[in-house]
Protein backbone atom coordinates (compact mmCIF):
# COMPACT_ATOMS: atom_id res chain seq x y z
CA MET A 1 -13.30 13.84 -9.77
CA TYR A 2 -17.08 12.75 -10.69
CA ALA A 3 -19.37 12.81 -13.56
CA PRO A 4 -22.99 13.02 -13.28
CA ILE A 5 -24.80 10.33 -15.33
CA ASN A 6 -28.64 10.23 -16.83
CA ASP A 7 -30.37 9.01 -13.43
CA GLY A 8 -28.65 12.13 -11.58
CA SER A 9 -26.31 10.40 -9.56
CA ARG A 10 -22.29 10.30 -9.90
CA ARG A 11 -19.70 8.04 -10.63
CA PRO A 12 -16.33 8.20 -10.99
CA ILE A 13 -14.79 9.47 -14.68
CA GLN A 14 -13.19 7.45 -16.98
CA ALA A 15 -13.94 3.83 -15.69
CA PHE A 16 -11.31 2.44 -17.70
CA VAL A 17 -8.63 4.52 -19.05
CA LYS A 18 -6.53 3.87 -22.44
CA PHE A 19 -2.68 3.80 -22.16
CA GLU A 20 0.27 4.30 -24.76
CA TYR A 21 1.93 1.36 -23.04
CA CYS A 22 2.34 -2.09 -24.43
CA LYS A 23 -0.02 -4.78 -23.31
CA SER A 24 2.35 -6.82 -22.21
CA MET A 25 1.96 -10.27 -20.04
CA GLN A 26 3.85 -7.93 -16.85
CA ASN A 27 0.90 -5.46 -16.81
CA ARG A 28 -1.64 -5.74 -14.09
CA THR A 29 -4.86 -4.11 -13.86
CA PHE A 30 -5.69 -2.28 -10.38
CA LYS A 31 -8.60 -0.63 -9.02
CA ASP A 32 -8.22 2.92 -7.63
CA GLN A 33 -10.38 4.31 -4.63
CA LEU A 34 -12.51 6.38 -7.46
CA GLY A 35 -13.47 2.93 -8.90
CA ARG A 36 -11.65 3.77 -12.09
CA ILE A 37 -9.50 0.48 -13.45
CA ILE A 38 -5.87 1.43 -14.70
CA SER A 39 -3.16 -1.18 -16.13
CA VAL A 40 0.25 -0.79 -14.52
CA PRO A 41 3.41 -2.35 -15.60
CA TYR A 42 4.12 -4.41 -12.82
CA PRO A 43 6.02 -3.70 -10.85
CA PRO A 44 6.21 -0.55 -11.21
CA ARG A 45 9.74 1.12 -11.71
CA ARG A 46 9.06 5.11 -12.23
CA ILE A 47 6.49 6.40 -9.86
CA ILE A 48 5.80 10.05 -9.37
CA SER A 49 3.83 11.09 -5.91
CA LEU A 50 1.31 13.95 -6.07
CA VAL A 51 0.53 14.09 -2.15
CA PRO A 52 3.10 14.60 0.66
CA SER A 53 1.57 12.10 3.14
CA GLN A 54 1.60 9.43 0.30
CA SER A 55 5.13 10.09 -1.03
CA GLU A 56 6.04 9.46 2.42
CA LEU A 57 4.50 6.17 2.71
CA LEU A 58 6.12 5.37 -0.39
CA PHE A 59 9.69 6.08 0.85
CA ASP A 60 8.84 3.88 4.39
CA LEU A 61 7.67 1.01 2.27
CA GLY A 62 11.48 1.02 0.76
CA LEU A 63 10.56 2.59 -2.72
CA ASP A 64 13.43 5.03 -2.34
CA LYS A 65 14.63 3.84 -5.81
CA GLU A 66 11.47 3.52 -7.54
CA VAL A 67 10.08 6.89 -6.76
CA ILE A 68 11.20 9.70 -9.15
CA GLY A 69 8.99 12.43 -8.78
CA ILE A 70 7.23 14.35 -5.63
CA THR A 71 5.82 17.49 -5.27
CA LYS A 72 7.59 20.69 -3.48
CA PHE A 73 5.54 19.94 -0.27
CA CYS A 74 6.58 16.35 -0.32
CA ILE A 75 8.89 17.16 2.81
CA TYR A 76 9.57 13.43 4.27
CA PRO A 77 11.93 12.18 4.83
CA SER A 78 13.99 14.86 4.37
CA GLU A 79 16.91 13.39 2.64
CA LYS A 80 14.93 12.15 -0.31
CA PHE A 81 12.86 15.49 -0.59
CA LYS A 82 16.60 16.90 -1.24
CA SER A 83 17.48 14.10 -3.97
CA THR A 84 14.30 13.58 -5.60
CA ALA A 85 12.89 15.40 -8.40
CA LYS A 86 10.30 17.74 -7.87
CA VAL A 87 7.35 18.50 -9.98
CA GLY A 88 5.25 21.42 -8.93
CA GLY A 89 3.02 21.64 -6.24
CA THR A 90 -0.03 19.91 -5.42
CA LYS A 91 -2.44 22.35 -6.65
CA LEU A 92 -0.17 23.29 -9.71
CA LEU A 93 1.71 20.40 -10.98
CA ASN A 94 4.74 20.82 -13.73
CA ILE A 95 3.06 18.75 -16.26
CA ARG A 96 6.04 18.95 -18.98
CA LYS A 97 8.45 18.17 -15.93
CA ILE A 98 6.42 15.20 -15.49
CA ARG A 99 6.43 13.96 -18.99
CA GLU A 100 9.97 14.36 -18.95
CA LEU A 101 10.47 11.83 -16.14
CA LYS A 102 8.20 9.53 -18.32
CA PRO A 103 6.74 7.89 -15.19
CA ASP A 104 5.23 4.01 -15.50
CA LEU A 105 2.64 5.28 -12.37
CA ILE A 106 1.38 8.51 -10.81
CA ILE A 107 -0.09 8.12 -7.41
CA GLY A 108 -2.21 11.45 -6.80
CA ASN A 109 -5.25 12.20 -4.37
CA LYS A 110 -8.83 13.43 -5.06
CA GLU A 111 -9.17 16.27 -2.81
CA GLU A 112 -5.28 17.68 -2.75
CA ASN A 113 -4.69 17.72 -6.72
CA GLU A 114 -6.61 19.34 -9.41
CA GLN A 115 -8.90 17.63 -11.09
CA SER A 116 -8.22 19.32 -14.66
CA GLN A 117 -4.52 18.28 -14.35
CA ILE A 118 -4.98 15.00 -13.10
CA GLU A 119 -7.66 14.21 -15.96
CA GLU A 120 -4.68 15.63 -18.58
CA LEU A 121 -2.42 13.09 -16.94
CA MET A 122 -4.69 10.12 -17.07
CA GLN A 123 -4.83 10.57 -20.86
CA GLU A 124 -0.96 9.86 -20.98
CA PHE A 125 0.07 7.64 -17.96
CA PRO A 126 -1.49 5.05 -14.96
CA VAL A 127 -3.01 7.29 -12.10
CA TRP A 128 -3.95 5.78 -9.25
CA MET A 129 -6.36 7.98 -7.22
CA SER A 130 -6.91 8.02 -3.61
CA ASP A 131 -10.20 9.33 -1.95
CA ILE A 132 -9.56 9.71 2.03
CA ASP A 133 -12.77 10.67 4.03
CA GLY A 134 -11.88 8.71 7.33
CA LEU A 135 -9.23 6.22 8.94
CA ASP A 136 -10.27 3.07 7.36
CA ASP A 137 -9.86 5.11 3.76
CA ALA A 138 -6.44 5.73 4.77
CA ILE A 139 -5.84 1.92 6.09
CA SER A 140 -7.45 0.67 2.64
CA MET A 141 -5.03 3.24 0.69
CA ILE A 142 -1.97 1.65 2.40
CA GLU A 143 -2.82 -1.79 1.48
CA SER A 144 -3.94 -0.92 -1.85
CA VAL A 145 -0.57 0.95 -2.74
CA GLY A 146 1.17 -2.06 -0.89
CA MET A 147 -0.39 -4.51 -3.88
CA LEU A 148 0.00 -1.69 -6.81
CA THR A 149 3.96 -1.63 -5.82
CA ASP A 150 4.85 -5.04 -4.83
CA LYS A 151 4.99 -4.44 -1.13
CA VAL A 152 2.40 -6.13 0.02
CA HIS A 153 4.10 -7.67 3.28
CA SER A 154 5.38 -4.31 4.52
CA ALA A 155 2.01 -2.28 3.79
CA ASN A 156 -0.06 -4.83 5.54
CA GLU A 157 2.03 -4.72 8.37
CA LEU A 158 2.12 -0.98 8.28
CA ALA A 159 -1.79 -0.86 8.19
CA LEU A 160 -2.11 -3.30 11.11
CA LYS A 161 0.13 -1.71 13.45
CA ILE A 162 -1.89 1.77 12.89
CA THR A 163 -5.26 -0.07 13.43
CA GLN A 164 -3.98 -1.32 16.94
CA GLY A 165 -2.68 2.20 17.67
CA PHE A 166 -5.94 3.64 17.13
CA GLU A 167 -7.82 0.81 19.13
CA SER A 168 -5.92 1.94 22.09
CA LEU A 169 -7.83 5.38 21.41
CA ARG A 170 -11.48 3.83 22.30
CA ASN A 171 -13.46 5.85 24.18
CA GLU A 172 -14.45 4.54 27.66
CA GLY A 173 -17.51 6.81 27.74
CA GLY A 174 -18.32 10.27 28.98
CA VAL A 175 -19.24 13.40 27.50
CA LYS A 176 -16.82 14.46 24.42
CA GLN A 177 -15.30 18.05 24.70
CA ARG A 178 -16.55 20.12 21.93
CA VAL A 179 -13.69 21.45 19.34
CA ALA A 180 -13.23 23.99 16.71
CA TYR A 181 -10.40 22.62 14.32
CA PHE A 182 -9.03 25.78 12.47
CA ILE A 183 -7.42 25.29 9.00
CA TRP A 184 -7.12 29.00 7.95
CA LYS A 185 -7.58 32.53 8.47
CA ASP A 186 -8.70 35.31 6.49
CA PRO A 187 -11.32 33.97 6.24
CA TYR A 188 -11.44 31.54 9.34
CA MET A 189 -12.15 27.99 7.98
CA VAL A 190 -12.76 25.03 10.00
CA ALA A 191 -12.83 21.24 9.44
CA GLY A 192 -16.32 20.12 9.36
CA ARG A 193 -18.08 16.58 8.70
CA ASN A 194 -17.07 14.33 6.31
CA THR A 195 -13.40 15.13 6.43
CA PHE A 196 -10.30 12.85 7.48
CA ILE A 197 -9.65 15.58 10.43
CA ASP A 198 -13.27 14.89 11.87
CA ASP A 199 -12.80 11.39 12.02
CA ILE A 200 -9.56 11.51 13.82
CA LEU A 201 -10.73 13.94 16.00
CA TYR A 202 -14.09 11.72 16.98
CA ARG A 203 -11.55 8.57 17.46
CA ALA A 204 -9.68 10.71 19.69
CA GLY A 205 -12.52 11.58 21.97
CA PHE A 206 -13.66 14.85 20.63
CA ASP A 207 -16.90 15.85 19.36
CA ASN A 208 -16.43 18.67 16.24
CA PHE A 209 -18.41 21.59 16.88
CA SER A 210 -19.39 22.13 13.32
CA GLU A 211 -22.16 20.30 11.79
CA LEU A 212 -21.50 21.85 8.46
CA SER A 213 -19.77 19.37 6.18
CA ARG A 214 -16.04 20.01 4.44
CA TYR A 215 -14.33 23.21 5.19
CA PRO A 216 -16.66 25.78 5.74
CA GLU A 217 -15.96 29.51 6.77
CA VAL A 218 -17.06 30.86 10.36
CA SER A 219 -17.28 34.03 11.47
CA GLN A 220 -16.40 35.19 15.19
CA LYS A 221 -19.85 35.66 15.98
CA GLN A 222 -20.71 31.86 15.19
CA LEU A 223 -17.59 30.69 16.95
CA SER A 224 -18.53 33.00 20.43
CA GLU A 225 -22.00 31.92 20.20
CA SER A 226 -21.37 28.39 19.75
CA LYS A 227 -18.71 27.79 23.00
CA PRO A 228 -16.63 25.25 22.29
CA ASP A 229 -14.67 23.50 24.81
CA PHE A 230 -11.31 24.17 22.79
CA ILE A 231 -10.25 25.42 19.94
CA PHE A 232 -7.47 23.50 17.73
CA LEU A 233 -5.51 25.84 15.70
CA SER A 234 -3.60 23.82 12.98
CA SER A 235 0.03 24.12 12.45
CA GLU A 236 -0.72 23.68 8.44
CA PRO A 237 -1.97 24.64 5.89
CA TYR A 238 -2.06 27.80 7.65
CA PRO A 239 0.66 28.21 9.94
CA PHE A 240 -1.14 29.26 13.39
CA LYS A 241 1.06 31.13 16.05
CA ASP A 242 0.93 32.17 19.74
CA VAL A 243 -0.45 35.79 18.27
CA HIS A 244 -3.62 33.53 17.19
CA VAL A 245 -3.93 32.31 20.53
CA THR A 246 -4.25 35.33 22.21
CA GLU A 247 -6.61 36.43 19.64
CA MET A 248 -8.91 33.67 20.03
CA LYS A 249 -8.71 33.56 23.58
CA SER A 250 -10.53 37.59 22.99
CA ILE A 251 -13.36 35.86 20.91
CA CYS A 252 -13.87 32.52 23.07
CA PRO A 253 -12.68 33.63 26.58
CA SER A 254 -14.05 30.55 27.94
CA ALA A 255 -12.45 28.13 25.72
CA GLY A 256 -9.19 26.59 25.75
CA VAL A 257 -6.96 27.13 22.76
CA VAL A 258 -3.75 24.96 21.57
CA ILE A 259 -1.39 24.83 18.59
CA VAL A 260 -1.97 21.53 17.27
CA ASP A 261 0.53 19.51 15.04
CA GLY A 262 -1.78 19.63 11.75
CA GLU A 263 0.14 16.29 10.11
CA MET A 264 -1.13 14.38 13.09
CA PHE A 265 -4.49 14.99 12.12
CA SER A 266 -4.10 15.35 8.21
CA TRP A 267 -1.53 12.88 7.07
CA TYR A 268 -3.05 9.62 6.11
CA GLY A 269 -0.02 7.68 5.02
CA SER A 270 2.87 6.28 7.48
CA ARG A 271 2.95 9.16 9.87
CA LEU A 272 -0.38 7.85 11.25
CA LEU A 273 1.85 5.42 13.09
CA HIS A 274 2.94 8.42 15.39
CA THR A 275 -0.43 9.90 15.68
CA PRO A 276 -2.15 7.99 18.40
CA SER A 277 0.34 8.51 20.93
CA TYR A 278 0.40 12.21 20.03
CA LEU A 279 -3.26 12.56 20.55
CA GLN A 280 -3.03 10.67 23.87
CA THR A 281 -0.53 13.33 25.03
CA LEU A 282 -2.75 15.76 23.60
CA ALA A 283 -5.49 15.17 25.57
CA LYS A 284 -3.55 14.74 28.91
CA ALA A 285 -2.06 17.98 28.21
CA ILE A 286 -5.29 19.69 27.83
CA ASN A 287 -7.16 18.13 30.63
């Protein structure tokens, strides 16, 4: 979601966005994680969330009535998933449905949503975008969403509990075990450096076997030659099963192969409350 400028650097698109909303005294301005300034009727009463982990966060902050639209992948809480209008998938939004719902705030994410669709929505509605590369970004997002939705106390309390939970994971030293974290098959793809998953692995005391950024493809030969200590097969976005464990063991006989809960490694909203205890249990199990 960046546009080049003359000096070759990059800056967030649309630093200031114009809306058709009346500029009343009730509007407030907020900066999103792309550095954009948006004007929002405050507090917002008709919110659409375009990201599963952020939808769960909004409901956990008590915004049951305010959240009027979510994606088909926003499955938590289950009762809210059943009763809330769906606006398509994260990568293929139903723009017409969004217009029909008349939101006064849309909350999305730079990586999970398509740039062209987000830019289209920005022309008509206040769109607040998150940009998450690590736990610190997630904490900042939670606090910012609290300010954005008039849930400051609840959001700050949640952020503090998550921070304290991860502080309990501090590594006391020793050699970190090298992990290959797989997110996809055909082709094989792993979580590389500069990703949220990479940061969670690090905080859990693991070392990412990949030196490449983002989500690179990896061949069986590369995996075999790198000899990671463990291979983590994520439950999402690709639904790895036991048959894939056997397959990986044939490629890397010396590695421990484990199916892990992808939500605990990649959801960056209120689900992070449960991530530290999950990581502690995982570490005990594989050791």
